Amino acid sequence: MMHFSCDLCGKSLQPGDDHRYVVKIEAYAAQDPAEITDEDLDQDHMDAVSELLRDMEDGIEVAAPDQTVRNFRFDLCPECLERFARDPLGKENVHKLFFSKN
């Protein structure tokens, strides 16, 4: 038998008795479109492409952009789902420091 508990409050969630919600989050590097300038259009990129192809043929590892993808999965009880939905980034829980003006 599978055992589930809320990943926020730790409450035991019995299959069939309690509602259980699954929250999935995927984080990955943003790929913003590059802006093409007149200088980019004036350059001949064939030398760079040829060098890249030679490196690949020679077995030299070519650096790729960050393709890291991180996946998160959480089981939440109904009460914690409501709290999460109100403040998904947890900004309410950040303690703010207030300094006196001396």
PDB file of N, CA and C in Angstrom:
ATOM      1  N   MET A   1       0.845  -1.181   0.000  1.00  0.00           N
ATOM      2  CA  MET A   1       0.000   0.000   0.000  1.00  0.00           C
ATOM      3  C   MET A   1       0.888   1.240   0.000  1.00  0.00           C
ATOM      4  N   MET A   2       0.550   2.188  -0.830  1.00  0.00           N
ATOM      5  CA  MET A   2       1.317   3.434  -0.927  1.00  0.00           C
ATOM      6  C   MET A   2       0.989   4.349   0.241  1.00  0.00           C
ATOM      7  N   HIS A   3       2.022   5.003   0.761  1.00  0.00           N
ATOM      8  CA  HIS A   3       1.833   5.972   1.837  1.00  0.00           C
ATOM      9  C   HIS A   3       2.203   7.348   1.299  1.00  0.00           C
ATOM     10  N   PHE A   4       1.315   8.300   1.515  1.00  0.00           N
ATOM     11  CA  PHE A   4       1.580   9.669   1.093  1.00  0.00           C
ATOM     12  C   PHE A   4       1.461  10.581   2.290  1.00  0.00           C
ATOM     13  N   SER A   5       2.286  11.625   2.282  1.00  0.00           N
ATOM     14  CA  SER A   5       2.154  12.668   3.290  1.00  0.00           C
ATOM     15  C   SER A   5       2.382  14.011   2.609  1.00  0.00           C
ATOM     16  N   CYS A   6       1.815  15.043   3.192  1.00  0.00           N
ATOM     17  CA  CYS A   6       1.944  16.387   2.637  1.00  0.00           C
ATOM     18  C   CYS A   6       3.407  16.826   2.772  1.00  0.00           C
ATOM     19  N   ASP A   7       3.975  17.285   1.680  1.00  0.00           N
ATOM     20  CA  ASP A   7       5.367  17.703   1.692  1.00  0.00           C
ATOM     21  C   ASP A   7       5.579  19.037   2.399  1.00  0.00           C
ATOM     22  N   LEU A   8       4.508  19.763   2.722  1.00  0.00           N
ATOM     23  CA  LEU A   8       4.664  21.013   3.462  1.00  0.00           C
ATOM     24  C   LEU A   8       4.431  20.837   4.956  1.00  0.00           C
ATOM     25  N   CYS A   9       3.303  20.262   5.322  1.00  0.00           N
ATOM     26  CA  CYS A   9       2.969  20.175   6.752  1.00  0.00           C
ATOM     27  C   CYS A   9       3.226  18.796   7.348  1.00  0.00           C
ATOM     28  N   GLY A  10       3.442  17.785   6.506  1.00  0.00           N
ATOM     29  CA  GLY A  10       3.729  16.447   6.998  1.00  0.00           C
ATOM     30  C   GLY A  10       2.510  15.607   7.320  1.00  0.00           C
ATOM     31  N   LYS A  11       1.316  16.143   7.116  1.00  0.00           N
ATOM     32  CA  LYS A  11       0.086  15.411   7.408  1.00  0.00           C
ATOM     33  C   LYS A  11       0.032  14.132   6.577  1.00  0.00           C
ATOM     34  N   SER A  12      -0.346  13.022   7.211  1.00  0.00           N
ATOM     35  CA  SER A  12      -0.488  11.761   6.517  1.00  0.00           C
ATOM     36  C   SER A  12      -1.737  11.822   5.642  1.00  0.00           C
ATOM     37  N   LEU A  13      -1.604  11.413   4.402  1.00  0.00           N
ATOM     38  CA  LEU A  13      -2.715  11.439   3.445  1.00  0.00           C
ATOM     39  C   LEU A  13      -3.072  10.003   3.090  1.00  0.00           C
ATOM     40  N   GLN A  14      -4.239   9.582   3.502  1.00  0.00           N
ATOM     41  CA  GLN A  14      -4.702   8.217   3.260  1.00  0.00           C
ATOM     42  C   GLN A  14      -5.334   8.134   1.880  1.00  0.00           C
ATOM     43  N   PRO A  15      -4.887   7.189   1.054  1.00  0.00           N
ATOM     44  CA  PRO A  15      -5.494   7.041  -0.277  1.00  0.00           C
ATOM     45  C   PRO A  15      -6.994   6.786  -0.166  1.00  0.00           C
ATOM     46  N   GLY A  16      -7.776   7.557  -0.902  1.00  0.00           N
ATOM     47  CA  GLY A  16      -9.223   7.399  -0.903  1.00  0.00           C
ATOM     48  C   GLY A  16      -9.918   8.216   0.165  1.00  0.00           C
ATOM     49  N   ASP A  17      -9.277   8.450   1.315  1.00  0.00           N
ATOM     50  CA  ASP A  17      -9.908   9.210   2.405  1.00  0.00           C
ATOM     51  C   ASP A  17      -9.668  10.712   2.270  1.00  0.00           C
ATOM     52  N   ASP A  18      -8.461  11.086   1.958  1.00  0.00           N
ATOM     53  CA  ASP A  18      -8.083  12.500   1.883  1.00  0.00           C
ATOM     54  C   ASP A  18      -7.823  12.880   0.430  1.00  0.00           C
ATOM     55  N   HIS A  19      -8.100  14.130   0.143  1.00  0.00           N
ATOM     56  CA  HIS A  19      -7.737  14.635  -1.171  1.00  0.00           C
ATOM     57  C   HIS A  19      -6.253  14.938  -1.143  1.00  0.00           C
ATOM     58  N   ARG A  20      -5.577  14.527  -2.172  1.00  0.00           N
ATOM     59  CA  ARG A  20      -4.140  14.770  -2.300  1.00  0.00           C
ATOM     60  C   ARG A  20      -3.923  15.469  -3.630  1.00  0.00           C
ATOM     61  N   TYR A  21      -3.107  16.495  -3.613  1.00  0.00           N
ATOM     62  CA  TYR A  21      -2.830  17.254  -4.818  1.00  0.00           C
ATOM     63  C   TYR A  21      -1.359  17.125  -5.152  1.00  0.00           C
ATOM     64  N   VAL A  22      -1.069  16.997  -6.427  1.00  0.00           N
ATOM     65  CA  VAL A  22       0.309  16.903  -6.897  1.00  0.00           C
ATOM     66  C   VAL A  22       0.652  18.221  -7.580  1.00  0.00           C
ATOM     67  N   VAL A  23       1.754  18.816  -7.139  1.00  0.00           N
ATOM     68  CA  VAL A  23       2.262  20.045  -7.754  1.00  0.00           C
ATOM     69  C   VAL A  23       3.561  19.681  -8.454  1.00  0.00           C
ATOM     70  N   LYS A  24       3.638  19.972  -9.755  1.00  0.00           N
ATOM     71  CA  LYS A  24       4.852  19.719 -10.530  1.00  0.00           C
ATOM     72  C   LYS A  24       5.407  21.055 -11.004  1.00  0.00           C
ATOM     73  N   ILE A  25       6.704  21.216 -10.841  1.00  0.00           N
ATOM     74  CA  ILE A  25       7.374  22.440 -11.263  1.00  0.00           C
ATOM     75  C   ILE A  25       8.544  22.050 -12.153  1.00  0.00           C
ATOM     76  N   GLU A  26       8.697  22.752 -13.261  1.00  0.00           N
ATOM     77  CA  GLU A  26       9.814  22.514 -14.171  1.00  0.00           C
ATOM     78  C   GLU A  26      10.585  23.821 -14.308  1.00  0.00           C
ATOM     79  N   ALA A  27      11.892  23.760 -14.101  1.00  0.00           N
ATOM     80  CA  ALA A  27      12.742  24.943 -14.219  1.00  0.00           C
ATOM     81  C   ALA A  27      13.798  24.684 -15.289  1.00  0.00           C
ATOM     82  N   TYR A  28      13.970  25.631 -16.190  1.00  0.00           N
ATOM     83  CA  TYR A  28      14.945  25.472 -17.258  1.00  0.00           C
ATOM     84  C   TYR A  28      15.434  26.850 -17.681  1.00  0.00           C
ATOM     85  N   ALA A  29      16.574  26.871 -18.349  1.00  0.00           N
ATOM     86  CA  ALA A  29      17.165  28.130 -18.795  1.00  0.00           C
ATOM     87  C   ALA A  29      16.280  28.760 -19.865  1.00  0.00           C
ATOM     88  N   ALA A  30      16.021  30.041 -19.723  1.00  0.00           N
ATOM     89  CA  ALA A  30      15.215  30.767 -20.707  1.00  0.00           C
ATOM     90  C   ALA A  30      16.031  30.970 -21.975  1.00  0.00           C
ATOM     91  N   GLN A  31      15.392  30.817 -23.097  1.00  0.00           N
ATOM     92  CA  GLN A  31      16.044  31.013 -24.389  1.00  0.00           C
ATOM     93  C   GLN A  31      15.435  32.238 -25.058  1.00  0.00           C
ATOM     94  N   ASP A  32      16.023  33.381 -24.781  1.00  0.00           N
ATOM     95  CA  ASP A  32      15.532  34.607 -25.395  1.00  0.00           C
ATOM     96  C   ASP A  32      16.079  34.699 -26.816  1.00  0.00           C
ATOM     97  N   PRO A  33      15.276  35.139 -27.750  1.00  0.00           N
ATOM     98  CA  PRO A  33      15.771  35.251 -29.119  1.00  0.00           C
ATOM     99  C   PRO A  33      16.883  36.296 -29.196  1.00  0.00           C
ATOM    100  N   ALA A  34      17.933  35.955 -29.922  1.00  0.00           N
ATOM    101  CA  ALA A  34      19.053  36.879 -30.078  1.00  0.00           C
ATOM    102  C   ALA A  34      18.668  37.986 -31.051  1.00  0.00           C
ATOM    103  N   GLU A  35      19.148  39.165 -30.763  1.00  0.00           N
ATOM    104  CA  GLU A  35      18.885  40.292 -31.657  1.00  0.00           C
ATOM    105  C   GLU A  35      19.978  40.331 -32.718  1.00  0.00           C
ATOM    106  N   ILE A  36      19.597  40.334 -33.962  1.00  0.00           N
ATOM    107  CA  ILE A  36      20.561  40.356 -35.055  1.00  0.00           C
ATOM    108  C   ILE A  36      20.855  41.808 -35.409  1.00  0.00           C
ATOM    109  N   THR A  37      22.139  42.115 -35.444  1.00  0.00           N
ATOM    110  CA  THR A  37      22.571  43.481 -35.774  1.00  0.00           C
ATOM    111  C   THR A  37      23.121  43.510 -37.199  1.00  0.00           C
ATOM    112  N   ASP A  38      23.367  44.707 -37.710  1.00  0.00           N
ATOM    113  CA  ASP A  38      23.967  44.856 -39.039  1.00  0.00           C
ATOM    114  C   ASP A  38      25.355  44.232 -39.069  1.00  0.00           C
ATOM    115  N   GLU A  39      26.082  44.336 -37.966  1.00  0.00           N
ATOM    116  CA  GLU A  39      27.427  43.747 -37.878  1.00  0.00           C
ATOM    117  C   GLU A  39      27.362  42.225 -38.028  1.00  0.00           C
ATOM    118  N   ASP A  40      26.342  41.607 -37.431  1.00  0.00           N
ATOM    119  CA  ASP A  40      26.173  40.157 -37.565  1.00  0.00           C
ATOM    120  C   ASP A  40      25.958  39.768 -39.034  1.00  0.00           C
ATOM    121  N   LEU A  41      25.203  40.579 -39.745  1.00  0.00           N
ATOM    122  CA  LEU A  41      24.910  40.273 -41.147  1.00  0.00           C
ATOM    123  C   LEU A  41      26.130  40.481 -42.036  1.00  0.00           C
ATOM    124  N   ASP A  42      27.024  41.381 -41.639  1.00  0.00           N
ATOM    125  CA  ASP A  42      28.216  41.666 -42.434  1.00  0.00           C
ATOM    126  C   ASP A  42      29.295  40.600 -42.263  1.00  0.00           C
ATOM    127  N   GLN A  43      29.291  39.865 -41.163  1.00  0.00           N
ATOM    128  CA  GLN A  43      30.330  38.868 -40.892  1.00  0.00           C
ATOM    129  C   GLN A  43      30.084  37.591 -41.685  1.00  0.00           C
ATOM    130  N   ASP A  44      31.191  36.950 -42.085  1.00  0.00           N
ATOM    131  CA  ASP A  44      31.110  35.646 -42.747  1.00  0.00           C
ATOM    132  C   ASP A  44      31.326  34.581 -41.680  1.00  0.00           C
ATOM    133  N   HIS A  45      30.282  33.840 -41.358  1.00  0.00           N
ATOM    134  CA  HIS A  45      30.340  32.863 -40.280  1.00  0.00           C
ATOM    135  C   HIS A  45      30.749  31.473 -40.761  1.00  0.00           C
ATOM    136  N   MET A  46      31.066  31.313 -42.027  1.00  0.00           N
ATOM    137  CA  MET A  46      31.418  30.003 -42.562  1.00  0.00           C
ATOM    138  C   MET A  46      32.700  29.460 -41.929  1.00  0.00           C
ATOM    139  N   ASP A  47      33.676  30.337 -41.621  1.00  0.00           N
ATOM    140  CA  ASP A  47      34.906  29.867 -40.976  1.00  0.00           C
ATOM    141  C   ASP A  47      34.604  29.288 -39.602  1.00  0.00           C
ATOM    142  N   ALA A  48      33.747  29.949 -38.851  1.00  0.00           N
ATOM    143  CA  ALA A  48      33.384  29.469 -37.517  1.00  0.00           C
ATOM    144  C   ALA A  48      32.641  28.141 -37.605  1.00  0.00           C
ATOM    145  N   VAL A  49      31.748  28.006 -38.582  1.00  0.00           N
ATOM    146  CA  VAL A  49      30.999  26.760 -38.757  1.00  0.00           C
ATOM    147  C   VAL A  49      31.951  25.635 -39.158  1.00  0.00           C
ATOM    148  N   SER A  50      32.890  25.915 -40.062  1.00  0.00           N
ATOM    149  CA  SER A  50      33.864  24.906 -40.490  1.00  0.00           C
ATOM    150  C   SER A  50      34.726  24.449 -39.322  1.00  0.00           C
ATOM    151  N   GLU A  51      35.172  25.385 -38.506  1.00  0.00           N
ATOM    152  CA  GLU A  51      35.987  25.041 -37.335  1.00  0.00           C
ATOM    153  C   GLU A  51      35.184  24.181 -36.349  1.00  0.00           C
ATOM    154  N   LEU A  52      33.945  24.528 -36.150  1.00  0.00           N
ATOM    155  CA  LEU A  52      33.071  23.753 -35.260  1.00  0.00           C
ATOM    156  C   LEU A  52      32.895  22.329 -35.781  1.00  0.00           C
ATOM    157  N   LEU A  53      32.691  22.176 -37.074  1.00  0.00           N
ATOM    158  CA  LEU A  53      32.529  20.842 -37.671  1.00  0.00           C
ATOM    159  C   LEU A  53      33.825  20.036 -37.566  1.00  0.00           C
ATOM    160  N   ARG A  54      34.987  20.687 -37.777  1.00  0.00           N
ATOM    161  CA  ARG A  54      36.276  19.997 -37.622  1.00  0.00           C
ATOM    162  C   ARG A  54      36.460  19.509 -36.192  1.00  0.00           C
ATOM    163  N   ASP A  55      36.130  20.367 -35.234  1.00  0.00           N
ATOM    164  CA  ASP A  55      36.257  19.986 -33.820  1.00  0.00           C
ATOM    165  C   ASP A  55      35.375  18.783 -33.502  1.00  0.00           C
ATOM    166  N   MET A  56      34.173  18.772 -34.037  1.00  0.00           N
ATOM    167  CA  MET A  56      33.260  17.661 -33.783  1.00  0.00           C
ATOM    168  C   MET A  56      33.798  16.366 -34.404  1.00  0.00           C
ATOM    169  N   GLU A  57      34.365  16.470 -35.618  1.00  0.00           N
ATOM    170  CA  GLU A  57      34.938  15.289 -36.271  1.00  0.00           C
ATOM    171  C   GLU A  57      36.148  14.762 -35.504  1.00  0.00           C
ATOM    172  N   ASP A  58      36.929  15.666 -34.908  1.00  0.00           N
ATOM    173  CA  ASP A  58      38.117  15.274 -34.151  1.00  0.00           C
ATOM    174  C   ASP A  58      37.785  14.791 -32.749  1.00  0.00           C
ATOM    175  N   GLY A  59      36.506  14.795 -32.401  1.00  0.00           N
ATOM    176  CA  GLY A  59      36.101  14.314 -31.084  1.00  0.00           C
ATOM    177  C   GLY A  59      36.262  15.340 -29.976  1.00  0.00           C
ATOM    178  N   ILE A  60      36.488  16.583 -30.336  1.00  0.00           N
ATOM    179  CA  ILE A  60      36.603  17.644 -29.338  1.00  0.00           C
ATOM    180  C   ILE A  60      35.200  18.028 -28.892  1.00  0.00           C
ATOM    181  N   GLU A  61      35.006  18.024 -27.581  1.00  0.00           N
ATOM    182  CA  GLU A  61      33.675  18.341 -27.054  1.00  0.00           C
ATOM    183  C   GLU A  61      33.365  19.811 -27.279  1.00  0.00           C
ATOM    184  N   VAL A  62      32.234  20.054 -27.863  1.00  0.00           N
ATOM    185  CA  VAL A  62      31.794  21.413 -28.157  1.00  0.00           C
ATOM    186  C   VAL A  62      30.843  21.855 -27.054  1.00  0.00           C
ATOM    187  N   ALA A  63      31.118  23.011 -26.468  1.00  0.00           N
ATOM    188  CA  ALA A  63      30.282  23.522 -25.377  1.00  0.00           C
ATOM    189  C   ALA A  63      28.904  23.885 -25.909  1.00  0.00           C
ATOM    190  N   ALA A  64      27.911  23.381 -25.238  1.00  0.00           N
ATOM    191  CA  ALA A  64      26.525  23.681 -25.603  1.00  0.00           C
ATOM    192  C   ALA A  64      25.943  24.640 -24.575  1.00  0.00           C
ATOM    193  N   PRO A  65      24.918  25.375 -24.954  1.00  0.00           N
ATOM    194  CA  PRO A  65      24.274  26.241 -23.968  1.00  0.00           C
ATOM    195  C   PRO A  65      23.682  25.401 -22.830  1.00  0.00           C
ATOM    196  N   ASP A  66      23.464  26.027 -21.714  1.00  0.00           N
ATOM    197  CA  ASP A  66      22.939  25.331 -20.531  1.00  0.00           C
ATOM    198  C   ASP A  66      21.583  24.719 -20.852  1.00  0.00           C
ATOM    199  N   GLN A  67      21.534  23.399 -20.853  1.00  0.00           N
ATOM    200  CA  GLN A  67      20.296  22.682 -21.142  1.00  0.00           C
ATOM    201  C   GLN A  67      19.755  21.994 -19.894  1.00  0.00           C
ATOM    202  N   THR A  68      20.190  22.436 -18.733  1.00  0.00           N
ATOM    203  CA  THR A  68      19.769  21.817 -17.492  1.00  0.00           C
ATOM    204  C   THR A  68      18.283  22.036 -17.269  1.00  0.00           C
ATOM    205  N   VAL A  69      17.588  20.950 -17.014  1.00  0.00           N
ATOM    206  CA  VAL A  69      16.170  21.014 -16.684  1.00  0.00           C
ATOM    207  C   VAL A  69      16.010  20.374 -15.314  1.00  0.00           C
ATOM    208  N   ARG A  70      15.346  21.066 -14.420  1.00  0.00           N
ATOM    209  CA  ARG A  70      15.117  20.531 -13.081  1.00  0.00           C
ATOM    210  C   ARG A  70      13.621  20.373 -12.894  1.00  0.00           C
ATOM    211  N   ASN A  71      13.231  19.189 -12.452  1.00  0.00           N
ATOM    212  CA  ASN A  71      11.828  18.888 -12.211  1.00  0.00           C
ATOM    213  C   ASN A  71      11.608  18.652 -10.724  1.00  0.00           C
ATOM    214  N   PHE A  72      10.518  19.184 -10.223  1.00  0.00           N
ATOM    215  CA  PHE A  72      10.152  19.026  -8.821  1.00  0.00           C
ATOM    216  C   PHE A  72       8.728  18.502  -8.758  1.00  0.00           C
ATOM    217  N   ARG A  73       8.451  17.642  -7.769  1.00  0.00           N
ATOM    218  CA  ARG A  73       7.109  17.087  -7.593  1.00  0.00           C
ATOM    219  C   ARG A  73       6.801  17.069  -6.104  1.00  0.00           C
ATOM    220  N   PHE A  74       5.633  17.598  -5.741  1.00  0.00           N
ATOM    221  CA  PHE A  74       5.249  17.675  -4.336  1.00  0.00           C
ATOM    222  C   PHE A  74       3.818  17.174  -4.166  1.00  0.00           C
ATOM    223  N   ASP A  75       3.581  16.445  -3.087  1.00  0.00           N
ATOM    224  CA  ASP A  75       2.231  16.044  -2.692  1.00  0.00           C
ATOM    225  C   ASP A  75       1.769  17.022  -1.623  1.00  0.00           C
ATOM    226  N   LEU A  76       0.578  17.601  -1.808  1.00  0.00           N
ATOM    227  CA  LEU A  76       0.063  18.581  -0.857  1.00  0.00           C
ATOM    228  C   LEU A  76      -1.347  18.213  -0.414  1.00  0.00           C
ATOM    229  N   CYS A  77      -1.638  18.527   0.848  1.00  0.00           N
ATOM    230  CA  CYS A  77      -2.997  18.382   1.359  1.00  0.00           C
ATOM    231  C   CYS A  77      -3.800  19.597   0.872  1.00  0.00           C
ATOM    232  N   PRO A  78      -5.122  19.578   0.981  1.00  0.00           N
ATOM    233  CA  PRO A  78      -5.933  20.705   0.479  1.00  0.00           C
ATOM    234  C   PRO A  78      -5.557  22.049   1.109  1.00  0.00           C
ATOM    235  N   GLU A  79      -5.273  22.054   2.415  1.00  0.00           N
ATOM    236  CA  GLU A  79      -4.946  23.322   3.087  1.00  0.00           C
ATOM    237  C   GLU A  79      -3.627  23.887   2.560  1.00  0.00           C
ATOM    238  N   CYS A  80      -2.626  23.023   2.398  1.00  0.00           N
ATOM    239  CA  CYS A  80      -1.328  23.495   1.909  1.00  0.00           C
ATOM    240  C   CYS A  80      -1.396  23.886   0.438  1.00  0.00           C
ATOM    241  N   LEU A  81      -2.262  23.237  -0.334  1.00  0.00           N
ATOM    242  CA  LEU A  81      -2.450  23.641  -1.721  1.00  0.00           C
ATOM    243  C   LEU A  81      -2.980  25.068  -1.780  1.00  0.00           C
ATOM    244  N   GLU A  82      -3.924  25.397  -0.909  1.00  0.00           N
ATOM    245  CA  GLU A  82      -4.461  26.764  -0.878  1.00  0.00           C
ATOM    246  C   GLU A  82      -3.368  27.767  -0.521  1.00  0.00           C
ATOM    247  N   ARG A  83      -2.551  27.435   0.477  1.00  0.00           N
ATOM    248  CA  ARG A  83      -1.435  28.327   0.851  1.00  0.00           C
ATOM    249  C   ARG A  83      -0.459  28.480  -0.297  1.00  0.00           C
ATOM    250  N   PHE A  84      -0.142  27.372  -0.964  1.00  0.00           N
ATOM    251  CA  PHE A  84       0.778  27.409  -2.091  1.00  0.00           C
ATOM    252  C   PHE A  84       0.210  28.250  -3.232  1.00  0.00           C
ATOM    253  N   ALA A  85      -1.077  28.075  -3.517  1.00  0.00           N
ATOM    254  CA  ALA A  85      -1.707  28.811  -4.616  1.00  0.00           C
ATOM    255  C   ALA A  85      -1.724  30.318  -4.353  1.00  0.00           C
ATOM    256  N   ARG A  86      -1.866  30.719  -3.082  1.00  0.00           N
ATOM    257  CA  ARG A  86      -1.862  32.145  -2.729  1.00  0.00           C
ATOM    258  C   ARG A  86      -0.467  32.752  -2.849  1.00  0.00           C
ATOM    259  N   ASP A  87       0.569  31.948  -2.566  1.00  0.00           N
ATOM    260  CA  ASP A  87       1.934  32.477  -2.519  1.00  0.00           C
ATOM    261  C   ASP A  87       2.920  31.417  -3.014  1.00  0.00           C
ATOM    262  N   PRO A  88       2.932  31.117  -4.326  1.00  0.00           N
ATOM    263  CA  PRO A  88       3.750  30.013  -4.829  1.00  0.00           C
ATOM    264  C   PRO A  88       5.254  30.201  -4.629  1.00  0.00           C
ATOM    265  N   LEU A  89       5.737  31.429  -4.531  1.00  0.00           N
ATOM    266  CA  LEU A  89       7.169  31.656  -4.346  1.00  0.00           C
ATOM    267  C   LEU A  89       7.554  31.832  -2.878  1.00  0.00           C
ATOM    268  N   GLY A  90       6.586  31.757  -1.992  1.00  0.00           N
ATOM    269  CA  GLY A  90       6.878  31.854  -0.563  1.00  0.00           C
ATOM    270  C   GLY A  90       7.311  33.236  -0.109  1.00  0.00           C
ATOM    271  N   LYS A  91       6.873  34.266  -0.811  1.00  0.00           N
ATOM    272  CA  LYS A  91       7.274  35.628  -0.454  1.00  0.00           C
ATOM    273  C   LYS A  91       6.691  36.075   0.885  1.00  0.00           C
ATOM    274  N   GLU A  92       5.524  35.529   1.262  1.00  0.00           N
ATOM    275  CA  GLU A  92       4.922  35.901   2.553  1.00  0.00           C
ATOM    276  C   GLU A  92       5.803  35.483   3.714  1.00  0.00           C
ATOM    277  N   ASN A  93       6.521  34.384   3.546  1.00  0.00           N
ATOM    278  CA  ASN A  93       7.302  33.821   4.635  1.00  0.00           C
ATOM    279  C   ASN A  93       8.682  34.431   4.785  1.00  0.00           C
ATOM    280  N   VAL A  94       9.069  35.296   3.866  1.00  0.00           N
ATOM    281  CA  VAL A  94      10.375  35.924   3.959  1.00  0.00           C
ATOM    282  C   VAL A  94      10.318  36.983   5.061  1.00  0.00           C
ATOM    283  N   HIS A  95      11.233  36.858   5.996  1.00  0.00           N
ATOM    284  CA  HIS A  95      11.269  37.833   7.093  1.00  0.00           C
ATOM    285  C   HIS A  95      11.907  39.115   6.582  1.00  0.00           C
ATOM    286  N   LYS A  96      11.195  40.200   6.753  1.00  0.00           N
ATOM    287  CA  LYS A  96      11.704  41.487   6.307  1.00  0.00           C
ATOM    288  C   LYS A  96      12.372  42.173   7.487  1.00  0.00           C
ATOM    289  N   LEU A  97      13.511  42.748   7.219  1.00  0.00           N
ATOM    290  CA  LEU A  97      14.245  43.447   8.262  1.00  0.00           C
ATOM    291  C   LEU A  97      13.929  44.942   8.188  1.00  0.00           C
ATOM    292  N   PHE A  98      13.590  45.484   9.314  1.00  0.00           N
ATOM    293  CA  PHE A  98      13.334  46.915   9.396  1.00  0.00           C
ATOM    294  C   PHE A  98      14.322  47.508  10.378  1.00  0.00           C
ATOM    295  N   PHE A  99      15.059  48.499   9.954  1.00  0.00           N
ATOM    296  CA  PHE A  99      16.049  49.137  10.791  1.00  0.00           C
ATOM    297  C   PHE A  99      15.537  50.504  11.224  1.00  0.00           C
ATOM    298  N   SER A 100      15.844  50.870  12.457  1.00  0.00           N
ATOM    299  CA  SER A 100      15.447  52.200  12.928  1.00  0.00           C
ATOM    300  C   SER A 100      16.327  53.243  12.274  1.00  0.00           C
ATOM    301  N   LYS A 101      15.781  54.438  12.134  1.00  0.00           N
ATOM    302  CA  LYS A 101      16.530  55.520  11.531  1.00  0.00           C
ATOM    303  C   LYS A 101      17.228  56.299  12.647  1.00  0.00           C
ATOM    304  N   ASN A 102      18.429  55.923  12.962  1.00  0.00           N
ATOM    305  CA  ASN A 102      19.195  56.575  14.038  1.00  0.00           C
ATOM    306  C   ASN A 102      19.861  57.808  13.550  1.00  0.00           C
TER     307      ASN A 102
END
